[in-house]
């Protein structure tokens, strides 16, 4: 049997795949999560997206190039949060989710992006946005969010800010396959970096930060230089079809859920990429890259270096 959309899994995972298929074990529950492709237009290189490389010690996706993001904090759903832009009900319709979950997802998207990059999609008024997040005070707030000593609603309220949901656009929905011990039900967003702000790697979960053309990131993955998970690769491929941030933000998207599945094919374990979303539809554009693997797979060797930016981390300019 040929495998047109499959990734060979390590032999040690075959027993777990067999147990899952036979119903002897249950898949771990998938936690709601959000991730944001932060975008900019570069004068020389065109459309670029900000990416982080996860440190090799991470339990989930070690060494993978990812967009900023993470799982929902239960307090992300607090109704007291300052909010401007499309209300949670509109996001619920976009992501086919309950209104509370939709509120949590949008808040998690903005909070996690700030925690990992100091990019803040919020402002002092519905038509304004913070133009600079540098300084000790912002760093103290970021750390308080990380250690959960303050909620996102408390952070915004104390600073007199409102979340700008209108700066986000819904993009995709992927669910971690059942074979993984840690699973996430992740909604993908896109957003332009606000004028005056600067994306930085301030996360202890990453060891490299890059601004890169989406097409170049796909090329790195296809050549096996970067480890990029299938959902991220699919998103990069779709972004590569756009020339500018405005093109991305103007793209009409029908959000459907995709979930790769584990199968035994000719006696070997494979992760089969979806050829249609849950509930029907068409396949996302997902190139088959040599570096695709399960989240626990070993990352490839470090990609060739690029000139460092002011933060001391690499910047790939295309």
Protein backbone atom coordinates (compact mmCIF):
# COMPACT_ATOMS: atom_id res chain seq x y z
CA UNK A 1 0.00 0.00 0.00
CA UNK A 2 1.43 3.38 -0.96
CA UNK A 3 1.47 6.22 1.56
CA UNK A 4 1.04 9.53 -0.25
CA UNK A 5 0.38 11.66 2.82
CA UNK A 6 2.22 9.73 5.52
CA UNK A 7 5.25 10.17 7.75
CA UNK A 8 7.03 7.03 8.98
CA UNK A 9 7.01 6.93 12.78
CA UNK A 10 9.82 5.49 14.92
CA UNK A 11 9.55 1.75 15.47
CA UNK A 12 9.18 2.24 19.22
CA UNK A 13 5.83 3.97 18.62
CA UNK A 14 4.29 1.06 16.75
CA UNK A 15 3.06 -0.62 19.94
CA UNK A 16 1.29 2.56 21.08
CA UNK A 17 -0.33 2.98 17.66
CA UNK A 18 -1.56 -0.62 17.78
CA UNK A 19 -2.91 -0.11 21.30
CA UNK A 20 -4.73 3.05 20.26
CA UNK A 21 -6.27 1.42 17.20
CA UNK A 22 -7.37 -1.60 19.24
CA UNK A 23 -8.88 0.55 21.98
CA UNK A 24 -6.50 -0.76 24.66
CA UNK A 25 -5.38 2.78 25.55
CA UNK A 26 -7.10 6.13 25.28
CA UNK A 27 -5.69 9.23 23.67
CA UNK A 28 -4.71 12.06 25.97
CA UNK A 29 -7.22 14.93 26.01
CA UNK A 30 -6.35 17.84 23.74
CA UNK A 31 -5.93 21.18 25.55
CA UNK A 32 -7.23 24.34 23.91
CA UNK A 33 -4.34 26.45 22.63
CA UNK A 34 -3.66 29.43 20.39
CA UNK A 35 -0.74 30.45 18.18
CA UNK A 36 -0.12 33.65 16.23
CA UNK A 37 1.83 34.19 13.03
CA UNK A 38 3.15 37.72 13.61
CA UNK A 39 3.82 39.40 10.27
CA UNK A 40 5.65 42.41 8.86
CA UNK A 41 6.48 43.92 5.47
CA UNK A 42 10.23 44.27 4.95
CA UNK A 43 11.49 46.91 2.49
CA UNK A 44 13.91 44.48 0.84
CA UNK A 45 12.58 41.00 1.57
CA UNK A 46 8.83 41.51 1.45
CA UNK A 47 6.42 39.60 3.67
CA UNK A 48 8.07 38.05 6.72
CA UNK A 49 6.84 36.03 9.69
CA UNK A 50 8.37 35.81 13.17
CA UNK A 51 9.37 32.32 14.32
CA UNK A 52 10.98 30.79 17.39
CA UNK A 53 13.00 27.59 17.65
CA UNK A 54 12.03 25.56 20.71
CA UNK A 55 14.89 24.41 22.91
CA UNK A 56 15.94 20.77 22.59
CA UNK A 57 14.93 20.01 26.18
CA UNK A 58 11.22 20.71 25.61
CA UNK A 59 8.88 17.74 26.05
CA UNK A 60 6.70 18.84 23.13
CA UNK A 61 8.22 19.60 19.70
CA UNK A 62 11.87 20.00 20.79
CA UNK A 63 13.91 21.88 18.22
CA UNK A 64 10.87 22.82 16.14
CA UNK A 65 10.42 26.21 14.52
CA UNK A 66 7.07 27.54 15.69
CA UNK A 67 4.95 30.66 15.92
CA UNK A 68 4.47 32.24 19.36
CA UNK A 69 1.66 30.61 21.31
CA UNK A 70 0.59 28.24 24.04
CA UNK A 71 -2.28 26.70 25.91
CA UNK A 72 -5.24 28.54 27.38
CA UNK A 73 -5.09 29.76 30.98
CA UNK A 74 -8.48 29.26 32.70
CA UNK A 75 -8.44 32.96 33.63
CA UNK A 76 -8.24 33.94 29.95
CA UNK A 77 -12.03 33.70 29.90
CA UNK A 78 -12.56 36.41 32.52
CA UNK A 79 -15.45 38.58 31.39
CA UNK A 80 -13.92 41.69 32.98
CA UNK A 81 -11.17 41.97 30.41
CA UNK A 82 -11.02 45.17 28.39
CA UNK A 83 -12.01 44.29 24.83
CA UNK A 84 -12.16 46.14 21.51
CA UNK A 85 -12.99 44.71 18.11
CA UNK A 86 -15.07 41.68 17.09
CA UNK A 87 -16.73 40.26 20.24
CA UNK A 88 -16.26 36.66 21.41
CA UNK A 89 -19.46 35.61 19.66
CA UNK A 90 -17.96 36.39 16.24
CA UNK A 91 -14.81 34.44 17.09
CA UNK A 92 -16.99 31.57 18.27
CA UNK A 93 -18.63 31.43 14.84
CA UNK A 94 -15.27 31.65 13.07
CA UNK A 95 -13.78 28.75 15.03
CA UNK A 96 -16.99 26.73 15.55
CA UNK A 97 -16.46 26.95 19.31
CA UNK A 98 -18.43 28.02 22.33
CA UNK A 99 -18.33 31.70 23.21
CA UNK A 100 -16.35 31.13 26.41
CA UNK A 101 -13.76 29.04 24.59
CA UNK A 102 -13.55 31.65 21.84
CA UNK A 103 -12.90 34.39 24.42
CA UNK A 104 -10.20 32.23 26.01
CA UNK A 105 -8.56 31.54 22.65
CA UNK A 106 -8.33 35.20 21.64
CA UNK A 107 -6.99 36.18 25.07
CA UNK A 108 -4.50 33.31 25.01
CA UNK A 109 -3.33 34.37 21.54
CA UNK A 110 -2.62 37.94 22.70
CA UNK A 111 -1.22 36.94 26.10
CA UNK A 112 1.10 34.21 24.81
CA UNK A 113 2.42 36.45 22.04
CA UNK A 114 3.29 39.09 24.63
CA UNK A 115 4.86 36.52 26.97
CA UNK A 116 7.10 35.08 24.24
CA UNK A 117 7.90 38.14 22.11
CA UNK A 118 6.77 41.30 24.00
CA UNK A 119 4.51 42.09 21.02
CA UNK A 120 1.27 43.37 22.54
CA UNK A 121 -1.96 43.56 20.54
CA UNK A 122 -3.62 46.01 22.90
CA UNK A 123 -3.99 49.73 23.31
CA UNK A 124 -5.25 52.54 25.56
CA UNK A 125 -8.35 52.94 23.37
CA UNK A 126 -10.27 50.91 20.77
CA UNK A 127 -8.52 52.83 17.98
CA UNK A 128 -5.02 52.94 19.49
CA UNK A 129 -2.26 50.41 20.11
CA UNK A 130 0.78 50.34 22.39
CA UNK A 131 3.77 51.51 20.36
CA UNK A 132 6.64 50.33 22.58
CA UNK A 133 6.94 47.53 25.13
CA UNK A 134 10.59 48.00 26.05
CA UNK A 135 11.61 48.68 29.63
CA UNK A 136 11.75 47.09 33.06
CA UNK A 137 8.07 47.68 33.78
CA UNK A 138 6.90 45.70 30.75
CA UNK A 139 9.34 42.91 31.56
CA UNK A 140 8.02 42.74 35.13
CA UNK A 141 4.48 42.46 33.78
CA UNK A 142 5.54 39.71 31.38
CA UNK A 143 7.09 37.72 34.21
CA UNK A 144 4.00 38.17 36.37
CA UNK A 145 1.90 36.71 33.56
CA UNK A 146 4.31 33.81 33.19
CA UNK A 147 4.27 32.88 36.87
CA UNK A 148 0.49 33.45 36.95
CA UNK A 149 0.74 35.98 39.80
CA UNK A 150 -1.50 38.22 37.71
CA UNK A 151 -4.13 37.38 35.13
CA UNK A 152 -4.20 38.90 31.68
CA UNK A 153 -7.35 40.87 32.62
CA UNK A 154 -5.56 42.28 35.68
CA UNK A 155 -2.54 43.24 33.58
CA UNK A 156 -4.63 45.10 31.01
CA UNK A 157 -6.83 46.73 33.64
CA UNK A 158 -3.92 48.05 35.70
CA UNK A 159 -2.35 49.59 32.61
CA UNK A 160 -5.64 50.95 31.30
CA UNK A 161 -5.49 48.88 28.12
CA UNK A 162 -8.03 47.04 25.99
CA UNK A 163 -7.36 43.89 23.98
CA UNK A 164 -7.52 44.68 20.24
CA UNK A 165 -9.21 41.60 18.77
CA UNK A 166 -9.55 43.50 15.47
CA UNK A 167 -5.79 43.20 14.98
CA UNK A 168 -6.13 39.41 14.74
CA UNK A 169 -7.52 37.26 11.95
CA UNK A 170 -8.52 33.56 12.24
CA UNK A 171 -6.39 31.33 10.01
CA UNK A 172 -6.49 27.58 10.81
CA UNK A 173 -7.40 24.84 13.29
CA UNK A 174 -5.21 21.78 13.94
CA UNK A 175 -5.48 19.04 16.56
CA UNK A 176 -2.45 17.06 17.75
CA UNK A 177 -2.70 13.39 16.67
CA UNK A 178 -3.83 10.82 19.23
CA UNK A 179 -0.44 9.07 19.24
CA UNK A 180 1.15 12.03 21.05
CA UNK A 181 1.31 11.93 24.87
CA UNK A 182 0.66 15.71 24.99
CA UNK A 183 -2.07 17.02 22.72
CA UNK A 184 -3.38 20.44 21.81
CA UNK A 185 -6.51 21.70 20.07
CA UNK A 186 -4.86 24.72 18.47
CA UNK A 187 -6.39 27.65 16.64
CA UNK A 188 -4.02 29.60 14.40
CA UNK A 189 -4.24 33.39 14.11
CA UNK A 190 -2.38 35.95 11.98
CA UNK A 191 -1.57 39.55 12.95
CA UNK A 192 0.60 42.44 11.81
CA UNK A 193 3.19 43.62 14.30
CA UNK A 194 2.05 47.04 15.59
CA UNK A 195 4.02 50.02 14.39
CA UNK A 196 6.81 50.92 16.81
CA UNK A 197 6.90 47.53 18.51
CA UNK A 198 9.70 45.03 18.13
CA UNK A 199 9.48 41.25 18.34
CA UNK A 200 12.11 39.67 20.56
CA UNK A 201 12.83 36.21 21.90
CA UNK A 202 12.25 36.61 25.61
CA UNK A 203 11.01 33.07 26.10
CA UNK A 204 13.00 30.47 28.02
CA UNK A 205 11.40 27.88 25.72
CA UNK A 206 13.29 29.09 22.61
CA UNK A 207 16.94 29.41 21.66
CA UNK A 208 16.60 31.22 18.32
CA UNK A 209 14.32 33.90 16.89
CA UNK A 210 14.02 34.78 13.21
CA UNK A 211 12.11 37.00 10.83
CA UNK A 212 11.84 34.94 7.67
CA UNK A 213 9.97 34.92 4.38
CA UNK A 214 7.34 32.14 4.58
CA UNK A 215 8.60 30.61 1.31
CA UNK A 216 12.17 30.51 2.67
CA UNK A 217 10.99 28.81 5.86
CA UNK A 218 9.26 26.18 3.71
CA UNK A 219 12.49 25.72 1.74
CA UNK A 220 14.49 25.24 4.95
CA UNK A 221 12.02 22.56 6.05
CA UNK A 222 11.98 20.83 2.68
CA UNK A 223 15.78 20.62 2.69
CA UNK A 224 15.77 19.16 6.20
CA UNK A 225 17.54 22.19 7.70
CA UNK A 226 14.64 23.17 9.94
CA UNK A 227 12.30 20.94 11.90
CA UNK A 228 8.79 22.26 11.17
CA UNK A 229 5.63 20.47 12.30
CA UNK A 230 2.97 19.79 9.62
CA UNK A 231 0.46 22.42 10.84
CA UNK A 232 3.14 25.11 10.88
CA UNK A 233 4.41 24.04 7.48
CA UNK A 234 0.89 24.15 6.04
CA UNK A 235 0.42 27.67 7.40
CA UNK A 236 3.77 28.84 6.04
CA UNK A 237 2.89 27.43 2.63
CA UNK A 238 -0.40 29.32 2.63
CA UNK A 239 1.25 32.55 3.76
CA UNK A 240 3.82 32.20 0.99
CA UNK A 241 1.04 32.75 -1.53
CA UNK A 242 0.63 36.32 -0.24
CA UNK A 243 2.88 39.26 -1.11
CA UNK A 244 2.09 41.65 1.75
CA UNK A 245 0.66 41.74 5.25
CA UNK A 246 -2.43 43.44 3.82
CA UNK A 247 -2.91 40.48 1.46
CA UNK A 248 -2.81 38.06 4.39
CA UNK A 249 -5.23 40.06 6.52
CA UNK A 250 -7.65 40.39 3.60
CA UNK A 251 -7.71 36.64 2.89
CA UNK A 252 -11.09 35.03 3.47
CA UNK A 253 -10.72 31.83 5.46
CA UNK A 254 -13.17 29.05 6.25
CA UNK A 255 -11.79 27.52 9.44
CA UNK A 256 -12.04 23.74 9.57
CA UNK A 257 -10.34 21.28 11.92
CA UNK A 258 -7.53 19.00 10.74
CA UNK A 259 -6.20 16.08 12.79
CA UNK A 260 -3.41 13.78 11.53
CA UNK A 261 -3.96 10.14 12.51
CA UNK A 262 -1.66 7.23 13.27
CA UNK A 263 -2.07 4.05 11.22
CA UNK A 264 -0.32 0.72 10.75
CA UNK A 265 0.50 0.33 7.05
CA UNK A 266 2.34 -2.74 5.76
CA UNK A 267 3.42 -3.52 9.33
CA UNK A 268 4.90 -0.08 10.01
CA UNK A 269 3.54 2.87 11.98
CA UNK A 270 2.75 6.01 10.01
CA UNK A 271 1.37 9.43 10.83
CA UNK A 272 -1.11 10.06 8.03
CA UNK A 273 -1.68 13.70 7.18
CA UNK A 274 -5.30 14.68 6.63
CA UNK A 275 -6.55 14.78 3.07
CA UNK A 276 -9.72 16.47 4.30
CA UNK A 277 -10.77 18.23 7.50
CA UNK A 278 -12.87 16.72 10.23
CA UNK A 279 -16.40 16.80 8.85
CA UNK A 280 -15.32 16.88 5.19
CA UNK A 281 -13.84 19.49 2.86
CA UNK A 282 -10.51 19.77 1.10
CA UNK A 283 -6.92 19.25 2.16
CA UNK A 284 -4.64 22.09 3.31
CA UNK A 285 -1.55 22.72 1.20
CA UNK A 286 1.09 20.80 3.17
CA UNK A 287 4.41 20.04 1.45
CA UNK A 288 6.05 16.81 2.54
CA UNK A 289 9.28 17.80 4.28
CA UNK A 290 12.14 15.48 5.29
CA UNK A 291 12.14 17.08 8.77
CA UNK A 292 8.51 16.26 9.58
CA UNK A 293 8.17 13.92 12.55
CA UNK A 294 6.28 13.51 15.79
CA UNK A 295 6.73 16.18 18.42
CA UNK A 296 9.12 13.98 20.40
CA UNK A 297 11.40 13.40 17.41
CA UNK A 298 15.00 14.54 17.40
CA UNK A 299 15.58 17.86 15.63
CA UNK A 300 18.08 18.12 12.77
CA UNK A 301 21.40 19.88 13.09
CA UNK A 302 21.40 23.65 13.57
CA UNK A 303 20.54 25.54 10.42
CA UNK A 304 23.24 27.74 8.89
CA UNK A 305 23.69 30.93 10.91
CA UNK A 306 22.47 34.39 9.96
CA UNK A 307 23.64 37.83 11.09
CA UNK A 308 22.48 38.43 14.68
CA UNK A 309 20.00 41.18 15.48
CA UNK A 310 20.25 43.47 18.47
CA UNK A 311 18.79 40.88 20.84
CA UNK A 312 21.64 38.51 20.15
CA UNK A 313 19.41 36.05 18.31
CA UNK A 314 19.48 35.26 14.63
CA UNK A 315 17.44 37.05 11.99
CA UNK A 316 16.82 35.22 8.71
CA UNK A 317 16.01 37.80 6.08
CA UNK A 318 15.43 35.47 3.17
